Amino acid sequence: MGMLLALGYDKMTNLHKLAGYQVSQKIKNQEIFAEEYISLVFERISNVDSKINSFISKNHESALLKAKQIDKKIRNNEKLGSLLGIPIGIKDNISVLGLKTTCASKMLQEYVSPYNATVVDRLEKQDALIIGKLNMDEFGMGTSSEFSHYGAVHNPWNQDYVAGGSSGGSAAAVSSLQIPISLGSDTGGSIRCPSSFCSVIGIKPTYGLVSRYGLVSYSNSLEQIGPMARTIIDIAMTLNTICGKDSSDSTSTTAATLDQQFEYKINTVDGVLGKNYKVGIIDNLILSSESQVMETVFKKIDLLKKHGFDVQKTKINYSDFALAAYYVIATAEASSNLSRFDNIRYGFSHNPQGYEWNSYSSHVRSNFGDEVKRRILVGSFVLSAGYYGKYYLKAQKVRNAIKNEFNKLFKLFDVLILPTMPILPFKIGEKGAKPLDLFNLDIYTILANLAGIPAMSIPAGFSKKGLPIGLQILSNEFNEQILIDIATFFENKDKFNEWIPNI
């Protein structure tokens, strides 16, 4: 630690507060060594994560080895990546070569991935350091990160409360300053919900912008991988790295080319104001939020008006049907995807002696968590003979209607605004016995997944008890730049990147 201490850094109060881009610059300038910095990161995780439970596994030896290689590259004046030396955590449903990918499930507790997801390959190519795998709701099914084989994730702002889900570990690890950047996946709000509850930034990209190769599928037509961080620069840098067409993923689109880079060096409010964005406020949804959420969002809207944005009220039709449509489609696809988990090709240790095929399959699948079982059963039902047309086809028609609604709105507005979540974070265990209550919390986030459009959650403020509140920003497909611009405006005005929990 000699060089760090000589520079006057307090290892526990300064370096871990740096954003990813700041860390990368200091390593590049040889103000700090990558090896020493990563050692401090793991020390921070060791001291903090016992309170948060955001990590399922850590990549200690490999990360330290790659950090040494980065220091050597700098000494040898070799070409350096754009994410040089930045520690990044990966949600545990995204494959990392040689690490367990458990999806927070007993069913995969011994499964070690034999390959990297495309997003991980792209991160490592830019010299990012994979720190470990992050806790989540089992197979991404949940809104609170309580449904994990490895225990609930705790909110860094109040450890009695949930961190949001399903990417709760990804949000909590960033919020608690264990790592500056993480990757999550978003099927119906799984990046944005925990970003809101933990007061960090999270973006669900346009469907097809980021490769899904190596993501353990929950609902193929809805889910996307995206970054979470405390600064807009870190979000944009990471999104620039992971986006683009991938030959291994047929759902990635040629519209998402690696030449498409998002600008993030906007350091003044004037840089955003000069673009004259038209902002639509989805009034019919905001008004159904809890009072403190609603008040906070209206303060953000007033800030936009104060600085000359063209702000108008609007509404989205068919939103009353969106939740039902989403859960029919998502559970139907989940029931198909999870049928492969039979504990024969991969799974946990269990002696099959004394079982015949059906009884063995029934027994091992009983080890799915209750929420996963519930969604498999619902999905199997809506796809069954006699009910396919009654439920699944109707849900797809609602999905198309909602997509058409957004197409109309984006002819009038550049960006739409509403809360990320309708309520404040709630206590761990408070809603676990009421699955429908949890399902209803997704009402604001599922819209972007059904329509395939990008959406970002940014920190908006806090409740009277100090619980985080998020603001959600939506734009038309492949218009992530607008989200980055609007978020940059708020970051400059609110300085939300400086909001840090006391742990």
Protein backbone atom coordinates (compact mmCIF):
# COMPACT_ATOMS: atom_id res chain seq x y z
CA MET A 1 0.00 0.00 0.00
CA GLY A 2 3.07 2.20 0.03
CA MET A 3 2.29 4.35 -2.99
CA LEU A 4 -1.33 4.92 -1.98
CA LEU A 5 -0.44 6.01 1.54
CA ALA A 6 2.38 8.22 0.28
CA LEU A 7 -0.18 10.03 -1.86
CA GLY A 8 -2.24 10.74 1.24
CA TYR A 9 -5.27 8.56 0.46
CA ASP A 10 -7.25 7.12 3.35
CA LYS A 11 -7.99 3.68 1.96
CA MET A 12 -11.41 3.39 3.56
CA THR A 13 -12.79 6.89 3.09
CA ASN A 14 -11.46 8.17 -0.22
CA LEU A 15 -10.54 5.67 -2.90
CA HIS A 16 -13.77 3.69 -2.67
CA LYS A 17 -15.72 6.93 -3.25
CA LEU A 18 -14.18 7.43 -6.68
CA ALA A 19 -16.30 6.84 -9.77
CA GLY A 20 -15.10 4.27 -12.26
CA TYR A 21 -13.82 6.82 -14.78
CA GLN A 22 -11.84 8.56 -12.00
CA VAL A 23 -10.23 5.29 -10.94
CA SER A 24 -9.32 4.48 -14.54
CA GLN A 25 -7.68 7.87 -15.06
CA LYS A 26 -5.62 7.60 -11.88
CA ILE A 27 -4.41 4.13 -12.82
CA LYS A 28 -3.58 5.29 -16.34
CA ASN A 29 -1.62 8.27 -14.93
CA GLN A 30 0.13 5.90 -12.49
CA GLU A 31 -1.16 7.88 -9.52
CA ILE A 32 -2.29 4.53 -8.12
CA PHE A 33 -1.46 0.95 -9.05
CA ALA A 34 -4.28 -1.28 -10.29
CA GLU A 35 -3.05 -4.14 -8.07
CA GLU A 36 -3.12 -2.03 -4.91
CA TYR A 37 -6.47 -0.50 -5.75
CA ILE A 38 -8.10 -3.89 -6.37
CA SER A 39 -6.72 -5.13 -3.06
CA LEU A 40 -8.49 -2.21 -1.39
CA VAL A 41 -11.72 -3.04 -3.25
CA PHE A 42 -11.72 -6.57 -1.86
CA GLU A 43 -10.93 -5.22 1.60
CA ARG A 44 -13.91 -2.87 1.30
CA ILE A 45 -16.14 -5.78 0.21
CA SER A 46 -14.92 -7.86 3.15
CA ASN A 47 -15.78 -5.07 5.60
CA VAL A 48 -19.12 -3.98 4.13
CA ASP A 49 -20.85 -6.88 2.42
CA SER A 50 -21.57 -8.79 5.61
CA LYS A 51 -24.20 -6.07 6.19
CA ILE A 52 -25.51 -5.96 2.61
CA ASN A 53 -25.19 -9.52 1.18
CA SER A 54 -24.72 -8.26 -2.37
CA PHE A 55 -22.06 -10.78 -3.49
CA ILE A 56 -22.64 -14.48 -4.10
CA SER A 57 -19.06 -15.19 -5.19
CA LYS A 58 -15.83 -13.22 -5.57
CA ASN A 59 -13.21 -13.37 -8.30
CA HIS A 60 -10.27 -12.44 -6.08
CA GLU A 61 -7.27 -14.25 -7.55
CA SER A 62 -8.17 -13.68 -11.20
CA ALA A 63 -8.90 -9.96 -10.65
CA LEU A 64 -5.58 -9.44 -8.85
CA LEU A 65 -3.69 -11.26 -11.62
CA LYS A 66 -5.33 -9.11 -14.31
CA ALA A 67 -4.63 -5.98 -12.25
CA LYS A 68 -0.92 -6.88 -12.25
CA GLN A 69 -1.10 -7.34 -16.03
CA ILE A 70 -2.67 -3.88 -16.37
CA ASP A 71 0.15 -2.29 -14.35
CA LYS A 72 2.62 -4.08 -16.63
CA LYS A 73 0.82 -2.83 -19.77
CA ILE A 74 1.06 0.74 -18.51
CA ARG A 75 4.80 0.39 -17.78
CA ASN A 76 5.35 -1.06 -21.27
CA ASN A 77 3.33 1.73 -22.96
CA GLU A 78 0.92 -0.81 -24.49
CA LYS A 79 -2.54 0.06 -25.79
CA LEU A 80 -4.98 0.56 -22.92
CA GLY A 81 -8.72 -0.11 -22.79
CA SER A 82 -11.39 2.50 -22.10
CA LEU A 83 -12.38 0.81 -18.80
CA LEU A 84 -8.80 0.40 -17.61
CA GLY A 85 -8.65 -1.07 -14.12
CA ILE A 86 -12.32 -0.45 -13.27
CA PRO A 87 -13.78 -3.14 -10.97
CA ILE A 88 -17.16 -4.35 -12.21
CA GLY A 89 -19.60 -6.76 -10.57
CA ILE A 90 -21.76 -9.09 -12.64
CA LYS A 91 -25.30 -10.22 -11.82
CA ASP A 92 -25.24 -13.94 -11.17
CA ASN A 93 -27.37 -14.84 -14.19
CA ILE A 94 -24.68 -13.58 -16.60
CA SER A 95 -21.98 -16.12 -17.50
CA VAL A 96 -18.35 -15.53 -16.54
CA LEU A 97 -15.79 -18.15 -17.56
CA GLY A 98 -14.60 -20.22 -14.60
CA LEU A 99 -17.03 -18.67 -12.10
CA LYS A 100 -20.24 -20.13 -10.74
CA THR A 101 -23.41 -18.85 -12.38
CA THR A 102 -26.06 -19.84 -9.88
CA CYS A 103 -28.92 -17.45 -10.71
CA ALA A 104 -29.26 -17.36 -6.88
CA SER A 105 -30.85 -20.82 -7.07
CA LYS A 106 -30.09 -24.13 -5.39
CA MET A 107 -30.73 -25.69 -8.78
CA LEU A 108 -27.49 -24.19 -10.15
CA GLN A 109 -25.44 -23.88 -6.99
CA GLU A 110 -22.60 -26.01 -8.41
CA TYR A 111 -22.75 -24.84 -12.03
CA VAL A 112 -19.52 -23.24 -13.29
CA SER A 113 -19.79 -21.39 -16.58
CA PRO A 114 -17.56 -22.77 -19.37
CA TYR A 115 -17.64 -19.50 -21.33
CA ASN A 116 -18.02 -15.74 -21.06
CA ALA A 117 -21.15 -13.85 -21.94
CA THR A 118 -20.51 -11.44 -24.83
CA VAL A 119 -20.86 -8.45 -22.49
CA VAL A 120 -18.15 -9.87 -20.21
CA ASP A 121 -15.81 -10.46 -23.16
CA ARG A 122 -16.32 -6.85 -24.23
CA LEU A 123 -15.68 -5.52 -20.72
CA GLU A 124 -12.47 -7.51 -20.36
CA LYS A 125 -11.30 -6.44 -23.81
CA GLN A 126 -11.42 -2.85 -22.49
CA ASP A 127 -9.36 -3.84 -19.42
CA ALA A 128 -12.21 -3.89 -16.90
CA LEU A 129 -11.74 -6.20 -13.91
CA ILE A 130 -14.52 -8.67 -13.08
CA ILE A 131 -14.77 -8.63 -9.28
CA GLY A 132 -17.45 -11.24 -8.66
CA LYS A 133 -21.04 -12.36 -9.09
CA LEU A 134 -23.91 -10.45 -7.49
CA ASN A 135 -26.99 -11.57 -5.57
CA MET A 136 -30.47 -11.43 -7.08
CA ASP A 137 -33.97 -12.84 -6.97
CA GLU A 138 -33.82 -16.49 -8.06
CA PHE A 139 -33.66 -16.64 -11.87
CA GLY A 140 -34.51 -12.91 -11.94
CA MET A 141 -38.04 -13.49 -10.67
CA GLY A 142 -38.87 -10.89 -8.05
CA THR A 143 -39.06 -7.21 -7.14
CA SER A 144 -37.22 -7.21 -3.83
CA SER A 145 -34.17 -9.53 -4.00
CA GLU A 146 -35.63 -11.50 -1.11
CA PHE A 147 -36.16 -14.62 -3.25
CA SER A 148 -32.55 -15.81 -3.28
CA HIS A 149 -31.12 -19.14 -2.16
CA TYR A 150 -28.32 -17.05 -0.59
CA GLY A 151 -30.53 -14.75 1.45
CA ALA A 152 -32.03 -11.30 0.93
CA VAL A 153 -30.03 -8.28 -0.22
CA HIS A 154 -30.18 -5.42 2.28
CA ASN A 155 -30.66 -1.78 1.32
CA PRO A 156 -27.48 0.27 2.04
CA TRP A 157 -29.61 3.27 3.11
CA ASN A 158 -31.47 1.25 5.74
CA GLN A 159 -30.52 -2.38 6.17
CA ASP A 160 -33.97 -3.35 7.44
CA TYR A 161 -35.37 -2.56 3.99
CA VAL A 162 -35.23 -4.36 0.64
CA ALA A 163 -32.79 -3.32 -2.07
CA GLY A 164 -35.29 -3.89 -4.89
CA GLY A 165 -35.11 -6.61 -7.49
CA SER A 166 -34.25 -8.62 -9.21
CA SER A 167 -30.78 -7.01 -9.64
CA GLY A 168 -30.66 -6.05 -5.96
CA GLY A 169 -27.06 -7.13 -5.45
CA SER A 170 -25.95 -5.13 -8.47
CA ALA A 171 -27.54 -1.94 -7.15
CA ALA A 172 -26.60 -2.42 -3.50
CA ALA A 173 -22.94 -3.16 -4.26
CA VAL A 174 -22.67 0.11 -6.19
CA SER A 175 -24.69 2.14 -3.68
CA SER A 176 -22.60 0.88 -0.75
CA LEU A 177 -19.38 1.90 -2.58
CA GLN A 178 -18.06 -1.64 -2.84
CA ILE A 179 -17.67 -1.27 -6.62
CA PRO A 180 -18.27 1.69 -8.96
CA ILE A 181 -20.08 -0.21 -11.75
CA SER A 182 -22.15 -3.37 -12.09
CA LEU A 183 -24.17 -5.19 -14.72
CA GLY A 184 -27.76 -6.25 -14.17
CA SER A 185 -30.54 -7.63 -16.33
CA ASP A 186 -33.99 -6.12 -16.76
CA THR A 187 -37.06 -8.17 -17.71
CA GLY A 188 -39.75 -5.96 -16.20
CA GLY A 189 -37.80 -3.40 -14.18
CA SER A 190 -35.08 -5.53 -12.61
CA ILE A 191 -32.40 -2.88 -13.19
CA ARG A 192 -34.55 0.20 -12.59
CA CYS A 193 -36.39 -0.95 -9.44
CA PRO A 194 -33.23 -1.60 -7.37
CA SER A 195 -31.61 1.51 -8.85
CA SER A 196 -34.53 3.51 -7.49
CA PHE A 197 -34.55 1.79 -4.10
CA CYS A 198 -30.75 2.11 -3.66
CA SER A 199 -30.31 5.61 -5.19
CA VAL A 200 -28.06 4.72 -8.13
CA ILE A 201 -28.39 5.08 -11.90
CA GLY A 202 -29.55 2.11 -13.96
CA ILE A 203 -30.48 1.80 -17.62
CA LYS A 204 -32.46 -0.82 -19.50
CA PRO A 205 -31.27 -0.40 -23.11
CA THR A 206 -33.39 -0.81 -26.23
CA TYR A 207 -34.17 -4.45 -26.89
CA GLY A 208 -31.40 -5.65 -29.21
CA LEU A 209 -28.84 -2.96 -28.36
CA VAL A 210 -26.89 -5.26 -26.04
CA SER A 211 -26.17 -8.93 -26.68
CA ARG A 212 -28.01 -11.43 -24.49
CA TYR A 213 -25.58 -14.25 -25.30
CA GLY A 214 -24.50 -15.76 -21.98
CA LEU A 215 -27.50 -14.45 -20.04
CA VAL A 216 -29.49 -17.28 -18.44
CA SER A 217 -32.86 -16.67 -20.01
CA TYR A 218 -35.98 -15.87 -18.03
CA SER A 219 -38.14 -14.18 -20.68
CA ASN A 220 -36.32 -13.93 -24.01
CA SER A 221 -38.50 -11.32 -25.67
CA LEU A 222 -38.44 -8.89 -22.74
CA GLU A 223 -35.04 -9.00 -21.03
CA GLN A 224 -31.94 -6.89 -21.61
CA ILE A 225 -28.56 -6.50 -19.91
CA GLY A 226 -27.62 -3.01 -18.74
CA PRO A 227 -25.17 -1.10 -16.50
CA MET A 228 -25.66 0.42 -13.05
CA ALA A 229 -23.42 3.12 -11.54
CA ARG A 230 -23.33 6.33 -9.50
CA THR A 231 -22.33 8.65 -12.38
CA ILE A 232 -23.66 9.20 -15.89
CA ILE A 233 -20.14 9.00 -17.30
CA ASP A 234 -19.72 5.48 -15.93
CA ILE A 235 -23.09 4.45 -17.36
CA ALA A 236 -22.27 5.78 -20.82
CA MET A 237 -18.73 4.36 -20.86
CA THR A 238 -20.01 0.90 -19.94
CA LEU A 239 -22.93 1.04 -22.36
CA ASN A 240 -20.54 2.06 -25.15
CA THR A 241 -18.46 -1.01 -24.37
CA ILE A 242 -21.19 -3.66 -24.20
CA CYS A 243 -23.55 -2.48 -26.99
CA GLY A 244 -23.43 -3.65 -30.58
CA LYS A 245 -24.38 -6.46 -32.93
CA ASP A 246 -23.33 -9.94 -31.85
CA SER A 247 -23.30 -12.89 -34.24
CA SER A 248 -23.97 -15.19 -31.28
CA ASP A 249 -27.28 -13.47 -30.50
CA SER A 250 -29.92 -13.32 -33.22
CA THR A 251 -31.94 -10.82 -31.15
CA SER A 252 -29.15 -8.24 -31.29
CA THR A 253 -29.88 -5.83 -34.10
CA THR A 254 -27.76 -4.33 -36.84
CA ALA A 255 -29.05 -0.94 -35.68
CA ALA A 256 -26.82 -1.45 -32.63
CA THR A 257 -23.34 -1.07 -34.09
CA LEU A 258 -20.15 -0.64 -32.13
CA ASP A 259 -19.65 2.61 -34.08
CA GLN A 260 -22.66 4.07 -32.26
CA GLN A 261 -21.09 5.78 -29.26
CA PHE A 262 -22.99 7.76 -26.69
CA GLU A 263 -21.67 11.14 -25.66
CA TYR A 264 -21.08 11.65 -21.98
CA LYS A 265 -18.65 14.55 -21.78
CA ILE A 266 -21.42 17.06 -21.18
CA ASN A 267 -20.20 19.08 -18.22
CA THR A 268 -22.63 22.00 -18.36
CA VAL A 269 -26.38 22.29 -18.10
CA ASP A 270 -26.31 24.50 -21.19
CA GLY A 271 -25.06 21.57 -23.25
CA VAL A 272 -28.33 19.76 -22.60
CA LEU A 273 -30.62 22.78 -22.77
CA GLY A 274 -29.39 23.60 -26.25
CA LYS A 275 -31.02 20.46 -27.61
CA ASN A 276 -34.59 21.73 -26.94
CA TYR A 277 -36.02 18.42 -25.86
CA LYS A 278 -39.80 18.09 -25.52
CA VAL A 279 -40.76 16.33 -22.28
CA GLY A 280 -44.01 14.43 -21.74
CA ILE A 281 -45.26 13.81 -18.21
CA ILE A 282 -47.32 10.60 -17.96
CA ASP A 283 -49.80 12.22 -15.62
CA ASN A 284 -52.27 9.34 -15.24
CA LEU A 285 -49.55 7.13 -13.73
CA ILE A 286 -47.77 9.71 -11.56
CA LEU A 287 -51.00 10.47 -9.73
CA SER A 288 -51.37 6.84 -8.62
CA SER A 289 -48.08 6.90 -6.69
CA GLU A 290 -47.52 7.24 -2.96
CA SER A 291 -47.65 10.90 -1.89
CA GLN A 292 -43.91 11.29 -1.15
CA VAL A 293 -43.01 9.68 -4.47
CA MET A 294 -45.43 11.95 -6.31
CA GLU A 295 -44.16 15.10 -4.57
CA THR A 296 -40.54 14.26 -5.38
CA VAL A 297 -41.27 13.62 -9.04
CA PHE A 298 -43.20 16.89 -9.38
CA LYS A 299 -40.20 18.74 -7.93
CA LYS A 300 -38.06 17.29 -10.72
CA ILE A 301 -40.68 18.32 -13.27
CA ASP A 302 -40.67 21.86 -11.85
CA LEU A 303 -36.89 21.93 -12.23
CA LEU A 304 -37.24 21.09 -15.92
CA LYS A 305 -39.81 23.86 -16.37
CA LYS A 306 -37.61 26.34 -14.52
CA HIS A 307 -34.81 25.73 -17.01
CA GLY A 308 -36.93 26.17 -20.09
CA PHE A 309 -37.77 22.63 -21.11
CA ASP A 310 -40.98 22.23 -23.09
CA VAL A 311 -42.95 20.18 -20.55
CA GLN A 312 -46.50 18.97 -21.22
CA LYS A 313 -48.85 16.51 -19.56
CA THR A 314 -49.87 13.39 -21.44
CA LYS A 315 -51.15 9.88 -20.78
CA ILE A 316 -50.68 6.38 -22.06
CA ASN A 317 -53.70 4.26 -22.92
CA TYR A 318 -53.99 0.54 -22.18
CA SER A 319 -51.68 0.84 -19.15
CA ASP A 320 -54.41 -0.83 -17.06
CA PHE A 321 -53.90 -4.01 -19.10
CA ALA A 322 -50.11 -3.87 -19.19
CA LEU A 323 -49.42 -5.68 -15.93
CA ALA A 324 -51.57 -8.68 -16.82
CA ALA A 325 -50.11 -8.84 -20.32
CA TYR A 326 -46.58 -8.66 -18.99
CA TYR A 327 -47.01 -11.48 -16.47
CA VAL A 328 -48.73 -13.72 -19.01
CA ILE A 329 -45.88 -13.28 -21.52
CA ALA A 330 -43.06 -13.41 -18.97
CA THR A 331 -44.32 -16.50 -17.16
CA ALA A 332 -45.08 -18.29 -20.42
CA GLU A 333 -41.52 -17.79 -21.62
CA ALA A 334 -40.15 -18.65 -18.17
CA SER A 335 -41.98 -21.96 -18.04
CA SER A 336 -40.37 -22.92 -21.33
CA ASN A 337 -36.88 -21.70 -20.41
CA LEU A 338 -36.78 -23.34 -17.00
CA SER A 339 -37.86 -26.74 -18.29
CA ARG A 340 -34.17 -27.46 -19.01
CA PHE A 341 -33.28 -27.45 -15.32
CA ASP A 342 -33.76 -31.12 -14.51
CA ASN A 343 -30.62 -31.72 -12.38
CA ILE A 344 -29.31 -34.17 -14.97
CA ARG A 345 -27.18 -32.00 -17.25
CA TYR A 346 -26.28 -29.63 -14.44
CA GLY A 347 -27.56 -29.00 -10.96
CA PHE A 348 -26.92 -29.86 -7.32
CA SER A 349 -25.66 -33.09 -5.81
CA HIS A 350 -28.48 -35.60 -5.42
CA ASN A 351 -28.41 -39.38 -5.72
CA PRO A 352 -31.03 -40.58 -8.26
CA GLN A 353 -31.07 -44.13 -6.83
CA GLY A 354 -34.57 -45.28 -5.93
CA TYR A 355 -36.35 -42.85 -8.25
CA GLU A 356 -37.99 -43.40 -11.61
CA TRP A 357 -37.90 -40.57 -14.17
CA ASN A 358 -41.01 -38.63 -13.23
CA SER A 359 -40.56 -38.89 -9.47
CA TYR A 360 -36.90 -37.83 -9.73
CA SER A 361 -37.80 -34.83 -11.90
CA SER A 362 -40.60 -33.86 -9.54
CA HIS A 363 -38.37 -34.16 -6.49
CA VAL A 364 -35.47 -32.09 -7.80
CA ARG A 365 -37.72 -29.37 -9.21
CA SER A 366 -39.28 -29.00 -5.80
CA ASN A 367 -35.99 -27.26 -4.95
CA PHE A 368 -36.98 -24.24 -7.00
CA GLY A 369 -38.02 -21.37 -4.74
CA ASP A 370 -41.70 -20.58 -4.23
CA GLU A 371 -41.68 -17.57 -6.56
CA VAL A 372 -40.08 -19.55 -9.39
CA LYS A 373 -42.57 -22.40 -8.92
CA ARG A 374 -45.44 -19.92 -8.99
CA ARG A 375 -44.33 -18.42 -12.32
CA ILE A 376 -43.64 -21.79 -13.92
CA LEU A 377 -47.14 -22.96 -13.00
CA VAL A 378 -48.80 -19.79 -14.30
CA GLY A 379 -46.74 -19.92 -17.49
CA SER A 380 -47.57 -23.56 -18.13
CA PHE A 381 -51.26 -22.83 -17.63
CA VAL A 382 -51.46 -19.89 -20.08
CA LEU A 383 -49.71 -21.95 -22.75
CA SER A 384 -51.83 -25.05 -22.27
CA ALA A 385 -54.40 -26.28 -24.79
CA GLY A 386 -57.60 -24.31 -24.56
CA TYR A 387 -56.02 -21.32 -22.82
CA TYR A 388 -53.30 -20.23 -25.27
CA GLY A 389 -55.68 -18.03 -27.25
CA LYS A 390 -57.56 -16.86 -24.19
CA TYR A 391 -54.46 -15.54 -22.41
CA TYR A 392 -51.19 -15.61 -24.34
CA LEU A 393 -52.46 -14.30 -27.68
CA LYS A 394 -54.50 -11.58 -25.96
CA ALA A 395 -51.42 -10.54 -24.00
CA GLN A 396 -49.46 -10.19 -27.23
CA LYS A 397 -52.22 -8.00 -28.66
CA VAL A 398 -52.03 -5.73 -25.60
CA ARG A 399 -48.26 -5.60 -26.04
CA ASN A 400 -48.67 -4.41 -29.63
CA ALA A 401 -51.24 -1.82 -28.56
CA ILE A 402 -48.86 -0.43 -25.95
CA LYS A 403 -46.03 -0.30 -28.48
CA ASN A 404 -48.31 1.66 -30.83
CA GLU A 405 -49.16 4.04 -27.98
CA PHE A 406 -45.49 4.80 -27.45
CA ASN A 407 -44.97 5.28 -31.19
CA LYS A 408 -47.66 7.97 -31.10
CA LEU A 409 -46.23 9.63 -27.99
CA PHE A 410 -42.70 9.78 -29.39
CA LYS A 411 -43.97 11.72 -32.39
CA LEU A 412 -44.94 14.44 -29.89
CA PHE A 413 -42.20 14.10 -27.26
CA ASP A 414 -38.50 13.30 -27.15
CA VAL A 415 -38.67 11.89 -23.66
CA LEU A 416 -41.32 10.71 -21.20
CA ILE A 417 -41.10 10.98 -17.41
CA LEU A 418 -42.77 9.10 -14.56
CA PRO A 419 -41.69 7.59 -11.23
CA THR A 420 -39.59 4.45 -11.32
CA MET A 421 -41.58 2.80 -8.54
CA PRO A 422 -45.04 3.71 -7.21
CA ILE A 423 -44.03 3.23 -3.57
CA LEU A 424 -41.06 3.69 -1.25
CA PRO A 425 -38.73 0.79 -0.36
CA PHE A 426 -40.40 -1.55 2.13
CA LYS A 427 -39.09 -3.66 4.98
CA ILE A 428 -37.64 -7.10 4.34
CA GLY A 429 -40.37 -9.69 4.86
CA GLU A 430 -43.18 -7.14 4.69
CA LYS A 431 -44.66 -8.23 1.36
CA GLY A 432 -43.21 -11.70 0.83
CA ALA A 433 -46.51 -13.41 1.65
CA LYS A 434 -48.43 -11.22 -0.79
CA PRO A 435 -47.16 -12.01 -4.31
CA LEU A 436 -49.87 -9.94 -6.03
CA ASP A 437 -48.75 -6.87 -4.08
CA LEU A 438 -45.24 -7.39 -5.41
CA PHE A 439 -46.47 -7.94 -8.96
CA ASN A 440 -48.39 -4.64 -8.84
CA LEU A 441 -45.20 -2.72 -8.03
CA ASP A 442 -43.94 -3.34 -11.58
CA ILE A 443 -46.66 -1.22 -13.18
CA TYR A 444 -44.33 1.69 -14.13
CA THR A 445 -41.34 -0.34 -15.29
CA ILE A 446 -42.90 -3.11 -17.40
CA LEU A 447 -44.08 -0.61 -20.04
CA ALA A 448 -40.58 -0.15 -21.47
CA ASN A 449 -39.99 -3.91 -21.64
CA LEU A 450 -43.28 -4.57 -23.43
CA ALA A 451 -42.48 -1.83 -25.96
CA GLY A 452 -38.77 -2.69 -26.27
CA ILE A 453 -37.73 0.92 -25.63
CA PRO A 454 -34.90 2.24 -23.43
CA ALA A 455 -35.57 3.47 -19.91
CA MET A 456 -33.35 4.85 -17.17
CA SER A 457 -33.85 5.33 -13.43
CA ILE A 458 -31.93 8.15 -11.73
CA PRO A 459 -31.87 9.23 -8.08
CA ALA A 460 -34.55 11.87 -7.45
CA GLY A 461 -34.48 12.37 -3.68
CA PHE A 462 -35.46 10.82 -0.38
CA SER A 463 -38.51 10.27 1.75
CA LYS A 464 -38.92 11.84 5.20
CA LYS A 465 -37.35 8.68 6.65
CA GLY A 466 -34.38 8.86 4.28
CA LEU A 467 -35.49 6.16 1.84
CA PRO A 468 -34.48 6.68 -1.83
CA ILE A 469 -36.90 7.67 -4.59
CA GLY A 470 -36.16 7.23 -8.30
CA LEU A 471 -37.20 9.13 -11.42
CA GLN A 472 -37.76 7.12 -14.61
CA ILE A 473 -36.97 8.53 -18.05
CA LEU A 474 -38.09 6.83 -21.30
CA SER A 475 -37.20 7.55 -24.91
CA ASN A 476 -37.83 5.94 -28.28
CA GLU A 477 -35.86 2.89 -29.39
CA PHE A 478 -32.11 3.45 -29.89
CA ASN A 479 -32.38 6.95 -28.43
CA GLU A 480 -30.35 6.23 -25.30
CA GLN A 481 -28.48 9.48 -25.92
CA ILE A 482 -31.56 11.47 -24.90
CA LEU A 483 -31.73 9.58 -21.60
CA ILE A 484 -28.06 10.30 -20.98
CA ASP A 485 -28.59 13.99 -21.76
CA ILE A 486 -31.59 14.43 -19.46
CA ALA A 487 -29.88 12.45 -16.70
CA THR A 488 -26.80 14.64 -17.12
CA PHE A 489 -28.97 17.72 -16.59
CA PHE A 490 -30.27 16.35 -13.29
CA GLU A 491 -26.82 15.15 -12.23
CA ASN A 492 -25.44 18.65 -12.76
CA LYS A 493 -28.30 20.28 -10.88
CA ASP A 494 -28.83 17.80 -8.02
CA LYS A 495 -25.30 16.37 -7.65
CA PHE A 496 -26.94 13.01 -6.91
CA ASN A 497 -23.65 11.26 -7.63
CA GLU A 498 -22.50 12.66 -4.27
CA TRP A 499 -25.38 11.07 -2.29
CA ILE A 500 -23.75 8.33 -0.21
CA PRO A 501 -25.27 6.07 2.48
CA ASN A 502 -23.67 5.84 5.89
CA ILE A 503 -22.54 2.24 6.36
